[in-house]
Amino acid sequence: MSDFMLPDIGEGIVECEVVEWRINEGDEIAEDQPVVEVMTDKALVEITAPEAGRVTRLYVEKGEVAKVHAPLFAYEATGEEGFETPPRPAAREEDEVASPAAEAPPPGAPSAESTPAAAGRTKDFILPDIGEGIVECEVVEWRVAEGEHIEEDQPLVDVMTDKAMVEITAPEAGIVSKLYVPKGEIAKVHAPLFAYTPSHAEPSASPAAGSEASRQESRAEAPSVSSVASGGRGPYGRIPASPAVRRLVREHGLSLDAIAGSGKDGRVLKEDVLRFLESGPREDDKHEQDRPASRSRPSDAAKLPGREDGEVRVEPIRGVRAVMARRMVESASTIPHFQYGEEIDVTELLTLRERLKPVAEAQQVRLTLMPFFMKALALAVREEPILNARLNAEVTEIHYLPSVNVGMAVDSRTGLIVPNVKHVEQRSVLDVSREIQRLTADARDGRVAQEDLKGGTISVSNIGALGGTYAAPIINAPELAIVAIGKSQWLPRFDERGEVTRRAIMTVTWAGDHRVIDGGTIARFCNAWKGYLEAPETMLLHLG
């Protein structure tokens, strides 16, 4: 019998409410069958079965609260054809309570019961669900080695899914006994990732000689948490900070000690790190986004391709880049793209932003042009709602969407991702700016939530931030339109009196799905959008 441990279901989420069980005790279940719906403080999440079997026990009743990394239900696995489920040794009732049984490790991986010394105290950490539909991921980097002591919530390993980089943390304090998946290899969801011995675990009683010596050795290898560290602002001498914040700190070469935490007990928040960077970033922080890419570049000693004594370096396409490659090919080959270009005079918009920047900064918000682009776009959708629609799979219906969720293409260190700001039509410019700031920080951290990547209705690609002027963007299916924004340039233009004047000109290029969007439609939409941006005060007339 195996216990299914409630996996990590969102950054910072430690518990959830069981909303609905789809199964009962004694029911047969199939692999990936939905078994329970749970509600977090962010969304409703569906938990599926890790493998086929029979449910033997439901630990948490409907309406009760379940804890992450605690048993959710128990089941007996069904042996598949050509694979015999190994018998489990009998365990005392108190052992089952202290150490819930983990799922069987993959072939070749030693089980928790493989050695007498480990019996009753070594646990397998089962790789949890790390995103909707994700069944495997690549181990990018181990932060620990076998034999190392770990603390609860300590970052242990970075894994790359086809959507984002995910940081796996320790469920409790203990000692790492085995790393099942080497760096660069593929780990499977619901399969053992590593084994560890909890600090509080005691070896099972055994008549075998030397068992007492083994227990003494175990106590020597696993010092208590309180004896590991001293000093610092938080408990156990550690500065309180989430794994995502610690990662952001490491990427910028900073120290948590140097950052004043504004959270409870001096906890360092992401906003504290961003504020520290804005107030006095190190010179090499400006090039931080280039660092991760340098990992995949040849070293200085590497030989360049094409030389007689050189070798071609092969790098597999995985994770976000692999998904981007598939989606771009599908979009470009299945959607007839219609391109439309325009120039927008953003002189007045730049002036308005400069006046509003101090107001935004007083609320720790960095005001860019992007929230104005998004807000004007949401207003223009009122005049041409088909730009914010979708086609059904059979291309027989147009579905007009009730909200404007504007995606923004982000060149993150893991590849191109498109998180989106939800309900832009209902938000203020300041609120949109705050949401953009959050999504950008998450993208830089490589930990964009799956919810932020879903539900986009229309997208913006700000190539001008990198210096580009023109582009022919590819539609982010199933959306029907995308715009590429070029950099703003000060150029000579004639005013109403025919005199040459200096104006800030920005080029934009729209791409529309020509199956339902024609030239006149996208031209009228772009004119409405342009009107709001060239006379930004007119947006006030439509704010409600």
Protein backbone atom coordinates (compact mmCIF):
# COMPACT_ATOMS: atom_id res chain seq x y z
CA MET A 1 0.00 0.00 0.00
CA SER A 2 1.27 3.50 -0.88
CA ASP A 3 0.39 6.89 0.53
CA PHE A 4 -0.15 9.67 -1.99
CA MET A 5 1.46 12.80 -0.55
CA LEU A 6 -0.22 16.11 -1.40
CA PRO A 7 2.28 17.76 -3.78
CA ASP A 8 3.35 21.39 -4.05
CA ILE A 9 0.42 23.08 -5.81
CA GLY A 10 1.69 26.63 -5.92
CA GLU A 11 4.48 28.86 -4.67
CA GLY A 12 4.06 29.54 -0.97
CA ILE A 13 0.95 27.35 -0.59
CA VAL A 14 1.19 25.02 2.43
CA GLU A 15 -2.42 23.86 2.75
CA CYS A 16 -5.69 23.65 0.86
CA GLU A 17 -9.31 22.68 1.35
CA VAL A 18 -10.70 19.43 -0.03
CA VAL A 19 -13.67 20.55 -2.13
CA GLU A 20 -14.82 17.32 -3.74
CA TRP A 21 -13.64 13.70 -3.75
CA ARG A 22 -14.22 12.05 -7.13
CA ILE A 23 -13.59 8.60 -5.65
CA ASN A 24 -14.49 6.49 -2.62
CA GLU A 25 -12.53 4.01 -0.56
CA GLY A 26 -12.40 0.70 -2.43
CA ASP A 27 -12.74 2.29 -5.88
CA GLU A 28 -10.46 1.25 -8.72
CA ILE A 29 -8.49 4.15 -10.21
CA ALA A 30 -6.59 4.57 -13.46
CA GLU A 31 -3.39 6.52 -14.03
CA ASP A 32 -4.06 10.28 -14.42
CA GLN A 33 -7.71 9.84 -13.39
CA PRO A 34 -9.03 12.92 -11.49
CA VAL A 35 -9.45 11.88 -7.87
CA VAL A 36 -10.01 15.07 -5.87
CA GLU A 37 -10.53 18.82 -6.24
CA VAL A 38 -8.80 21.09 -3.73
CA MET A 39 -9.10 24.85 -3.25
CA THR A 40 -6.04 26.96 -2.49
CA ASP A 41 -6.10 30.68 -1.75
CA LYS A 42 -5.52 31.24 -5.48
CA ALA A 43 -7.38 28.67 -7.54
CA LEU A 44 -9.24 25.36 -7.74
CA VAL A 45 -6.77 22.54 -8.44
CA GLU A 46 -7.53 19.04 -9.71
CA ILE A 47 -5.34 16.22 -8.35
CA THR A 48 -4.93 13.12 -10.51
CA ALA A 49 -3.92 9.54 -9.70
CA PRO A 50 -0.18 8.79 -10.04
CA GLU A 51 -0.84 5.24 -11.27
CA ALA A 52 -3.52 2.56 -11.55
CA GLY A 53 -4.68 0.81 -8.40
CA ARG A 54 -7.36 0.58 -5.72
CA VAL A 55 -8.11 3.29 -3.14
CA THR A 56 -7.84 1.96 0.40
CA ARG A 57 -8.20 5.11 2.50
CA LEU A 58 -9.10 8.81 2.23
CA TYR A 59 -7.17 10.66 4.92
CA VAL A 60 -8.86 14.07 4.57
CA GLU A 61 -12.63 14.50 4.58
CA LYS A 62 -14.49 16.80 2.20
CA GLY A 63 -14.43 20.34 3.60
CA GLU A 64 -11.35 19.66 5.73
CA VAL A 65 -7.88 21.15 5.25
CA ALA A 66 -5.07 19.08 3.71
CA LYS A 67 -1.38 19.86 4.25
CA VAL A 68 1.24 19.90 1.50
CA HIS A 69 3.68 16.95 1.79
CA ALA A 70 1.20 15.12 4.08
CA PRO A 71 -0.74 11.95 3.08
CA LEU A 72 -3.90 12.71 1.09
CA PHE A 73 -5.07 9.17 0.32
CA ALA A 74 -3.74 5.61 0.33
CA TYR A 75 -3.93 3.12 -2.52
CA GLU A 76 -2.68 -0.28 -3.62
CA ALA A 77 -0.90 -0.10 -6.96
CA THR A 78 -1.93 -2.46 -9.75
CA GLY A 79 0.99 -4.28 -11.41
CA GLU A 80 1.19 -3.43 -15.12
CA GLU A 81 1.93 -5.97 -17.85
CA GLY A 82 5.60 -6.94 -17.75
CA PHE A 83 6.09 -5.25 -14.38
CA GLU A 84 5.49 -6.85 -11.04
CA THR A 85 4.92 -4.59 -8.09
CA PRO A 86 7.47 -5.65 -5.45
CA PRO A 87 5.99 -6.82 -2.14
CA ARG A 88 6.36 -4.34 0.70
CA PRO A 89 7.75 -5.55 4.02
CA ALA A 90 5.38 -5.60 6.95
CA ALA A 91 5.58 -2.43 9.02
CA ARG A 92 4.49 -1.65 12.53
CA GLU A 93 1.52 0.68 12.91
CA GLU A 94 3.64 3.31 14.61
CA ASP A 95 6.17 3.18 11.75
CA GLU A 96 3.41 3.82 9.23
CA VAL A 97 2.32 6.91 11.16
CA ALA A 98 5.82 8.29 11.59
CA SER A 99 6.91 7.61 8.03
CA PRO A 100 4.14 7.28 5.42
CA ALA A 101 5.07 4.87 2.67
CA ALA A 102 6.32 6.44 -0.56
CA GLU A 103 5.70 5.16 -4.02
CA ALA A 104 7.94 2.48 -5.47
CA PRO A 105 11.18 3.88 -6.97
CA PRO A 106 11.92 3.44 -10.65
CA PRO A 107 13.88 0.42 -11.83
CA GLY A 108 17.51 0.72 -10.79
CA ALA A 109 16.82 3.15 -7.97
CA PRO A 110 17.34 1.73 -4.48
CA SER A 111 14.25 1.76 -2.31
CA ALA A 112 13.98 3.21 1.16
CA GLU A 113 14.02 -0.34 2.55
CA SER A 114 17.06 -1.51 0.60
CA THR A 115 19.37 -1.44 3.63
CA PRO A 116 18.66 -2.58 7.18
CA ALA A 117 20.13 0.58 8.63
CA ALA A 118 17.68 2.70 6.65
CA ALA A 119 14.58 0.62 7.39
CA GLY A 120 11.87 2.62 9.13
CA ARG A 121 13.57 6.01 8.86
CA THR A 122 14.60 6.77 5.24
CA LYS A 123 11.97 8.46 3.08
CA ASP A 124 11.70 8.90 -0.66
CA PHE A 125 10.76 12.40 -1.82
CA ILE A 126 8.26 11.93 -4.65
CA LEU A 127 8.47 14.57 -7.39
CA PRO A 128 5.15 16.41 -7.06
CA ASP A 129 2.89 17.87 -9.74
CA ILE A 130 4.73 21.01 -10.87
CA GLY A 131 2.30 22.28 -13.45
CA GLU A 132 -0.82 21.43 -15.39
CA GLY A 133 -0.13 18.56 -17.80
CA ILE A 134 3.59 18.30 -16.95
CA VAL A 135 4.74 14.69 -16.52
CA GLU A 136 8.51 15.11 -16.56
CA CYS A 137 11.23 17.71 -16.14
CA GLU A 138 14.99 18.07 -16.51
CA VAL A 139 17.22 18.28 -13.44
CA VAL A 140 19.18 21.47 -14.03
CA GLU A 141 21.21 21.70 -10.85
CA TRP A 142 21.43 19.92 -7.50
CA ARG A 143 22.06 22.28 -4.57
CA VAL A 144 22.92 19.40 -2.23
CA ALA A 145 25.01 16.24 -2.29
CA GLU A 146 24.47 12.84 -0.73
CA GLY A 147 25.23 12.90 2.97
CA GLU A 148 24.49 16.61 3.42
CA HIS A 149 22.24 17.91 6.17
CA ILE A 150 19.17 19.83 4.95
CA GLU A 151 16.69 22.14 6.64
CA GLU A 152 12.96 22.47 6.06
CA ASP A 153 12.17 24.63 2.99
CA GLN A 154 15.85 24.66 1.97
CA PRO A 155 16.23 24.81 -1.85
CA LEU A 156 17.50 21.39 -2.99
CA VAL A 157 17.25 21.21 -6.76
CA ASP A 158 16.33 23.29 -9.81
CA VAL A 159 14.26 21.50 -12.45
CA MET A 160 13.20 22.76 -15.88
CA THR A 161 9.75 22.02 -17.22
CA ASP A 162 8.53 22.95 -20.68
CA LYS A 163 7.18 26.20 -19.19
CA ALA A 164 9.47 27.49 -16.47
CA MET A 165 12.28 26.83 -14.02
CA VAL A 166 11.00 25.34 -10.74
CA GLU A 167 12.81 25.21 -7.43
CA ILE A 168 12.15 22.14 -5.24
CA THR A 169 12.57 22.61 -1.50
CA ALA A 170 13.04 20.17 1.38
CA PRO A 171 9.80 18.97 3.05
CA GLU A 172 11.55 18.72 6.43
CA ALA A 173 14.98 18.71 8.06
CA GLY A 174 17.20 15.66 7.68
CA ILE A 175 20.13 14.11 5.81
CA VAL A 176 20.17 13.38 2.09
CA SER A 177 20.92 9.70 1.54
CA LYS A 178 20.45 9.28 -2.23
CA LEU A 179 20.01 11.42 -5.34
CA TYR A 180 18.08 9.27 -7.81
CA VAL A 181 18.26 11.54 -10.87
CA PRO A 182 21.64 12.98 -11.95
CA LYS A 183 22.04 16.52 -13.24
CA GLY A 184 20.94 16.78 -16.87
CA GLU A 185 18.70 13.73 -16.70
CA ILE A 186 14.90 13.57 -16.87
CA ALA A 187 12.85 13.16 -13.68
CA LYS A 188 9.29 11.81 -13.76
CA VAL A 189 6.39 13.31 -11.83
CA HIS A 190 5.18 10.99 -9.03
CA ALA A 191 8.53 9.11 -9.09
CA PRO A 192 11.25 9.32 -6.37
CA LEU A 193 13.60 12.28 -6.81
CA PHE A 194 15.81 11.80 -3.78
CA ALA A 195 15.87 9.92 -0.47
CA TYR A 196 16.52 11.43 2.93
CA THR A 197 16.53 10.56 6.62
CA PRO A 198 14.43 12.96 8.74
CA SER A 199 16.25 14.47 11.69
CA HIS A 200 13.57 13.27 14.10
CA ALA A 201 13.45 9.67 12.74
CA GLU A 202 14.71 6.79 14.81
CA PRO A 203 15.84 3.44 13.32
CA SER A 204 13.39 0.56 13.58
CA ALA A 205 14.09 -1.97 16.29
CA SER A 206 15.94 -4.94 14.83
CA PRO A 207 17.43 -8.05 16.38
CA ALA A 208 20.36 -7.83 13.99
CA ALA A 209 23.75 -7.28 15.56
CA GLY A 210 25.03 -3.76 15.44
CA SER A 211 21.57 -2.09 15.38
CA GLU A 212 22.34 -0.01 18.46
CA ALA A 213 25.61 1.10 16.91
CA SER A 214 23.70 2.08 13.77
CA ARG A 215 21.33 4.21 15.84
CA GLN A 216 24.25 5.99 17.53
CA GLU A 217 25.89 6.58 14.14
CA SER A 218 22.62 8.01 12.82
CA ARG A 219 22.39 10.45 15.73
CA ALA A 220 25.96 11.57 15.08
CA GLU A 221 25.31 12.16 11.39
CA ALA A 222 22.09 14.12 11.94
CA PRO A 223 22.70 17.04 14.33
CA SER A 224 19.62 18.93 15.44
CA VAL A 225 18.68 22.02 13.51
CA SER A 226 19.30 24.28 16.46
CA SER A 227 22.98 23.24 16.56
CA VAL A 228 23.62 23.97 12.90
CA ALA A 229 23.45 27.74 12.83
CA SER A 230 23.39 30.70 15.15
CA GLY A 231 22.77 34.40 14.74
CA GLY A 232 20.65 36.00 12.02
CA ARG A 233 17.24 37.60 12.12
CA GLY A 234 14.98 34.54 11.94
CA PRO A 235 14.58 31.23 13.75
CA TYR A 236 17.53 28.82 13.60
CA GLY A 237 19.76 31.74 12.64
CA ARG A 238 18.29 31.99 9.12
CA ILE A 239 17.01 35.21 7.61
CA PRO A 240 13.36 34.55 6.72
CA ALA A 241 12.82 34.55 2.95
CA SER A 242 10.96 32.40 0.45
CA PRO A 243 12.89 30.18 -2.00
CA ALA A 244 11.96 32.52 -4.85
CA VAL A 245 13.42 35.50 -2.99
CA ARG A 246 16.61 33.59 -2.13
CA ARG A 247 17.01 32.70 -5.78
CA LEU A 248 16.56 36.32 -6.84
CA VAL A 249 19.18 37.36 -4.30
CA ARG A 250 21.67 34.77 -5.59
CA GLU A 251 21.13 35.75 -9.23
CA HIS A 252 22.07 39.34 -8.47
CA GLY A 253 25.11 38.42 -6.40
CA LEU A 254 23.63 39.94 -3.24
CA SER A 255 23.50 38.85 0.38
CA LEU A 256 20.33 38.59 2.43
CA ASP A 257 22.20 40.21 5.33
CA ALA A 258 22.50 43.43 3.33
CA ILE A 259 18.77 43.70 2.61
CA ALA A 260 16.34 45.09 5.18
CA GLY A 261 13.29 42.88 5.38
CA SER A 262 9.88 44.53 5.69
CA GLY A 263 7.96 41.33 6.43
CA LYS A 264 7.14 39.65 9.72
CA ASP A 265 10.21 38.84 11.86
CA GLY A 266 12.38 40.71 9.36
CA ARG A 267 11.31 38.48 6.45
CA VAL A 268 12.85 39.64 3.17
CA LEU A 269 10.19 40.07 0.48
CA LYS A 270 10.64 40.27 -3.26
CA GLU A 271 9.74 43.96 -3.09
CA ASP A 272 12.62 44.48 -0.62
CA VAL A 273 15.10 42.96 -3.08
CA LEU A 274 13.79 45.00 -6.01
CA ARG A 275 13.89 48.18 -3.91
CA PHE A 276 17.49 47.38 -2.92
CA LEU A 277 18.47 46.86 -6.55
CA GLU A 278 16.85 50.13 -7.65
CA SER A 279 18.46 52.14 -4.87
CA GLY A 280 21.99 50.92 -5.43
CA PRO A 281 22.57 48.00 -7.81
CA ARG A 282 26.07 46.71 -8.37
CA GLU A 283 27.65 47.51 -11.71
CA ASP A 284 27.69 43.89 -12.84
CA ASP A 285 23.99 43.50 -12.00
CA LYS A 286 23.24 45.34 -15.24
CA HIS A 287 24.52 42.32 -17.11
CA GLU A 288 22.80 39.77 -14.91
CA GLN A 289 20.38 38.68 -17.64
CA ASP A 290 23.35 37.70 -19.76
CA ARG A 291 24.80 35.37 -17.13
CA PRO A 292 22.45 32.40 -17.42
CA ALA A 293 22.85 32.38 -21.17
CA SER A 294 26.60 32.22 -20.70
CA ARG A 295 26.23 28.77 -19.15
CA SER A 296 25.31 27.38 -22.55
CA ARG A 297 28.07 29.18 -24.43
CA PRO A 298 31.44 27.62 -25.14
CA SER A 299 34.16 28.50 -22.68
CA ASP A 300 37.08 30.65 -23.78
CA ALA A 301 39.10 27.51 -24.32
CA ALA A 302 36.42 25.86 -26.46
CA LYS A 303 37.11 25.55 -30.15
CA LEU A 304 34.79 27.20 -32.64
CA PRO A 305 32.80 25.12 -35.16
CA GLY A 306 34.28 25.06 -38.65
CA ARG A 307 37.93 24.86 -37.68
CA GLU A 308 39.89 21.75 -38.52
CA ASP A 309 40.76 21.04 -34.89
CA GLY A 310 37.36 22.09 -33.54
CA GLU A 311 34.21 20.21 -32.66
CA VAL A 312 30.55 21.10 -33.10
CA ARG A 313 28.92 21.65 -29.72
CA VAL A 314 25.50 20.00 -29.49
CA GLU A 315 22.90 21.38 -27.09
CA PRO A 316 19.46 19.74 -26.85
CA ILE A 317 16.41 21.98 -27.09
CA ARG A 318 14.41 21.46 -23.94
CA GLY A 319 12.04 23.20 -21.59
CA VAL A 320 10.57 26.55 -22.57
CA ARG A 321 12.59 26.78 -25.80
CA ALA A 322 11.27 23.44 -26.99
CA VAL A 323 7.69 24.49 -26.35
CA MET A 324 8.27 27.85 -28.03
CA ALA A 325 9.68 26.11 -31.10
CA ARG A 326 6.65 23.84 -31.43
CA ARG A 327 4.11 26.60 -30.88
CA MET A 328 5.73 29.06 -33.26
CA VAL A 329 5.89 26.46 -36.04
CA GLU A 330 2.25 25.53 -35.44
CA SER A 331 1.13 29.17 -35.39
CA ALA A 332 3.08 30.21 -38.48
CA SER A 333 1.97 27.16 -40.47
CA THR A 334 -1.72 27.09 -39.51
CA ILE A 335 -2.65 30.78 -39.13
CA PRO A 336 -2.62 33.12 -42.19
CA HIS A 337 -0.92 36.21 -40.77
CA PHE A 338 -1.93 39.71 -41.89
CA GLN A 339 0.65 42.43 -41.08
CA TYR A 340 -0.21 46.09 -40.51
CA GLY A 341 2.27 48.85 -39.58
CA GLU A 342 1.78 52.34 -38.16
CA GLU A 343 3.65 55.26 -36.57
CA ILE A 344 2.45 56.72 -33.27
CA ASP A 345 3.44 60.09 -31.85
CA VAL A 346 4.03 59.44 -28.15
CA THR A 347 5.39 62.89 -27.26
CA GLU A 348 2.41 63.74 -25.05
CA LEU A 349 2.42 60.28 -23.51
CA LEU A 350 6.07 60.61 -22.50
CA THR A 351 5.34 63.99 -20.93
CA LEU A 352 2.41 62.56 -18.98
CA ARG A 353 4.46 59.64 -17.74
CA GLU A 354 7.19 61.96 -16.44
CA ARG A 355 4.59 63.88 -14.44
CA LEU A 356 3.12 60.68 -12.98
CA LYS A 357 6.37 58.85 -12.20
CA PRO A 358 6.88 60.48 -8.75
CA VAL A 359 3.32 59.51 -7.79
CA ALA A 360 3.94 55.90 -8.78
CA GLU A 361 7.36 55.74 -7.13
CA ALA A 362 5.81 56.89 -3.86
CA GLN A 363 3.89 53.60 -3.96
CA GLN A 364 6.97 51.55 -4.96
CA VAL A 365 5.73 51.19 -8.54
CA ARG A 366 7.97 51.74 -11.55
CA LEU A 367 5.87 53.46 -14.22
CA THR A 368 6.76 52.56 -17.81
CA LEU A 369 4.88 53.05 -21.07
CA MET A 370 3.64 49.46 -21.11
CA PRO A 371 0.64 49.98 -18.75
CA PHE A 372 -0.53 52.84 -20.98
CA PHE A 373 -0.20 50.59 -24.05
CA MET A 374 -2.27 47.90 -22.31
CA LYS A 375 -4.94 50.24 -20.98
CA ALA A 376 -5.40 51.95 -24.35
CA LEU A 377 -5.59 48.54 -26.00
CA ALA A 378 -8.37 47.43 -23.64
CA LEU A 379 -10.31 50.60 -24.49
CA ALA A 380 -9.83 50.12 -28.24
CA VAL A 381 -11.19 46.56 -27.96
CA ARG A 382 -14.60 48.11 -27.19
CA GLU A 383 -14.72 49.42 -30.76
CA GLU A 384 -13.41 46.26 -32.45
CA PRO A 385 -14.12 43.34 -30.07
CA ILE A 386 -13.08 40.72 -32.63
CA LEU A 387 -9.45 41.56 -31.85
CA ASN A 388 -10.08 40.08 -28.39
CA ALA A 389 -11.85 36.92 -29.57
CA ARG A 390 -10.99 33.30 -30.33
CA LEU A 391 -11.94 30.72 -32.94
CA ASN A 392 -13.22 27.29 -32.02
CA ALA A 393 -11.21 24.26 -33.14
CA GLU A 394 -13.45 23.64 -36.16
CA VAL A 395 -13.20 27.31 -37.24
CA THR A 396 -17.00 27.54 -37.32
CA GLU A 397 -17.54 29.95 -34.40
CA ILE A 398 -16.05 33.18 -33.06
CA HIS A 399 -16.01 33.37 -29.26
CA TYR A 400 -15.97 36.97 -27.98
CA LEU A 401 -14.19 37.03 -24.63
CA PRO A 402 -15.59 38.96 -21.63
CA SER A 403 -12.25 40.29 -20.34
CA VAL A 404 -9.09 41.71 -21.87
CA ASN A 405 -6.09 39.72 -20.60
CA VAL A 406 -3.07 41.34 -22.22
CA GLY A 407 -0.01 39.11 -22.60
CA MET A 408 3.49 40.54 -22.73
CA ALA A 409 6.34 38.65 -24.35
CA VAL A 410 9.23 38.37 -21.87
CA ASP A 411 12.72 37.30 -22.89
CA SER A 412 13.40 35.42 -19.67
CA ARG A 413 16.53 33.46 -18.90
CA THR A 414 14.62 30.23 -19.59
CA GLY A 415 13.33 31.37 -22.98
CA LEU A 416 10.40 33.33 -24.37
CA ILE A 417 7.33 33.28 -22.13
CA VAL A 418 4.11 35.31 -22.34
CA PRO A 419 2.51 35.99 -18.95
CA ASN A 420 -0.61 38.12 -19.05
CA VAL A 421 -2.26 40.85 -16.99
CA LYS A 422 -5.82 39.79 -16.24
CA HIS A 423 -8.85 42.11 -16.61
CA VAL A 424 -6.96 45.15 -17.89
CA GLU A 425 -10.30 46.81 -18.74
CA GLN A 426 -11.15 46.90 -15.01
CA ARG A 427 -7.77 48.01 -13.66
CA SER A 428 -6.26 51.45 -13.23
CA VAL A 429 -3.02 52.33 -15.00
CA LEU A 430 -1.23 52.16 -11.65
CA ASP A 431 -2.67 48.73 -10.91
CA VAL A 432 -1.68 47.46 -14.37
CA SER A 433 1.82 48.82 -13.79
CA ARG A 434 2.03 47.04 -10.45
CA GLU A 435 0.98 43.75 -12.07
CA ILE A 436 3.52 44.19 -14.89
CA GLN A 437 6.23 44.73 -12.28
CA ARG A 438 5.25 41.53 -10.48
CA LEU A 439 5.16 39.42 -13.64
CA THR A 440 8.49 40.81 -14.84
CA ALA A 441 10.15 40.01 -11.51
CA ASP A 442 8.71 36.48 -11.58
CA ALA A 443 9.97 35.99 -15.14
CA ARG A 444 13.42 37.17 -14.14
CA ASP A 445 13.27 34.72 -11.26
CA GLY A 446 12.14 31.89 -13.56
CA ARG A 447 9.11 31.15 -11.42
CA VAL A 448 6.09 32.50 -13.31
CA ALA A 449 2.95 30.81 -12.00
CA GLN A 450 1.01 28.65 -14.43
CA GLU A 451 -2.09 30.79 -13.84
CA ASP A 452 -0.20 33.85 -15.11
CA LEU A 453 0.64 32.04 -18.35
CA LYS A 454 -2.93 30.93 -19.10
CA GLY A 455 -5.96 32.84 -20.34
CA GLY A 456 -4.29 35.50 -22.48
CA THR A 457 -6.55 37.13 -25.09
CA ILE A 458 -4.22 39.52 -26.98
CA SER A 459 -0.44 40.06 -26.77
CA VAL A 460 2.17 42.82 -26.86
CA SER A 461 5.83 42.30 -27.78
CA ASN A 462 7.97 45.25 -26.74
CA ILE A 463 10.99 44.77 -28.99
CA GLY A 464 11.80 48.46 -28.54
CA ALA A 465 13.08 47.71 -25.06
CA LEU A 466 16.00 45.93 -26.73
CA GLY A 467 16.46 48.51 -29.48
CA GLY A 468 14.39 47.12 -32.34
CA THR A 469 12.34 49.37 -34.62
CA TYR A 470 10.30 46.98 -36.79
CA ALA A 471 9.22 43.34 -36.42
CA ALA A 472 6.76 40.87 -37.92
CA PRO A 473 5.42 39.11 -34.80
CA ILE A 474 3.89 35.63 -34.81
CA ILE A 475 0.46 35.30 -33.22
CA ASN A 476 0.35 33.57 -29.84
CA ALA A 477 -2.39 31.03 -30.65
CA PRO A 478 -5.25 30.70 -29.82
CA GLU A 479 -5.26 34.51 -29.75
CA LEU A 480 -6.14 36.38 -32.94
CA ALA A 481 -3.74 39.35 -32.79
CA ILE A 482 -0.37 40.54 -31.51
CA VAL A 483 1.48 43.84 -31.77
CA ALA A 484 5.24 44.46 -31.84
CA ILE A 485 6.23 47.84 -30.39
CA GLY A 486 9.43 49.44 -31.64
CA LYS A 487 11.66 51.89 -29.81
CA SER A 488 10.66 55.55 -29.55
CA GLN A 489 12.86 57.92 -31.56
CA TRP A 490 13.05 61.70 -31.63
CA LEU A 491 12.40 62.59 -35.28
CA PRO A 492 11.57 65.75 -37.24
CA ARG A 493 7.91 66.19 -38.12
CA PHE A 494 5.77 68.99 -39.53
CA ASP A 495 3.34 70.63 -37.10
CA GLU A 496 -0.08 72.12 -37.99
CA ARG A 497 1.62 75.33 -39.15
CA GLY A 498 3.94 73.46 -41.49
CA GLU A 499 7.01 74.06 -39.34
CA VAL A 500 9.50 71.32 -38.48
CA THR A 501 9.35 70.23 -34.88
CA ARG A 502 10.90 67.51 -32.72
CA ARG A 503 8.52 64.63 -31.90
CA ALA A 504 8.82 61.21 -30.23
CA ILE A 505 7.80 58.66 -32.85
CA MET A 506 7.17 54.98 -32.13
CA THR A 507 6.61 52.32 -34.79
CA VAL A 508 4.17 49.45 -34.24
CA THR A 509 3.45 46.35 -36.31
CA TRP A 510 0.27 44.35 -35.87
CA ALA A 511 -0.26 40.75 -36.91
CA GLY A 512 -3.84 39.52 -37.23
CA ASP A 513 -5.43 36.18 -38.01
CA HIS A 514 -6.60 36.76 -41.59
CA ARG A 515 -9.25 34.04 -41.30
CA VAL A 516 -11.46 36.48 -39.39
CA ILE A 517 -9.60 39.82 -39.26
CA ASP A 518 -9.33 41.87 -42.44
CA GLY A 519 -7.31 44.98 -43.21
CA GLY A 520 -10.12 47.44 -42.48
CA THR A 521 -10.83 45.91 -39.09
CA ILE A 522 -7.25 46.01 -37.87
CA ALA A 523 -6.77 49.53 -39.29
CA ARG A 524 -9.81 50.86 -37.41
CA PHE A 525 -8.70 49.13 -34.23
CA CYS A 526 -5.16 50.50 -34.53
CA ASN A 527 -6.51 54.01 -35.16
CA ALA A 528 -8.59 53.85 -31.99
CA TRP A 529 -5.59 52.59 -30.01
CA LYS A 530 -3.36 55.25 -31.54
CA GLY A 531 -5.87 57.96 -30.62
CA TYR A 532 -5.70 57.06 -26.94
CA LEU A 533 -1.89 56.99 -26.95
CA GLU A 534 -1.41 60.26 -28.84
CA ALA A 535 -3.95 62.05 -26.62
CA PRO A 536 -3.64 60.06 -23.36
CA GLU A 537 -5.94 62.40 -21.43
CA THR A 538 -8.87 61.05 -23.49
CA MET A 539 -8.55 57.75 -21.62
CA LEU A 540 -9.96 59.54 -18.57
CA LEU A 541 -13.33 59.78 -20.32
CA HIS A 542 -13.66 56.00 -20.38
CA LEU A 543 -12.42 55.10 -16.91
CA GLY A 544 -15.20 53.88 -14.68
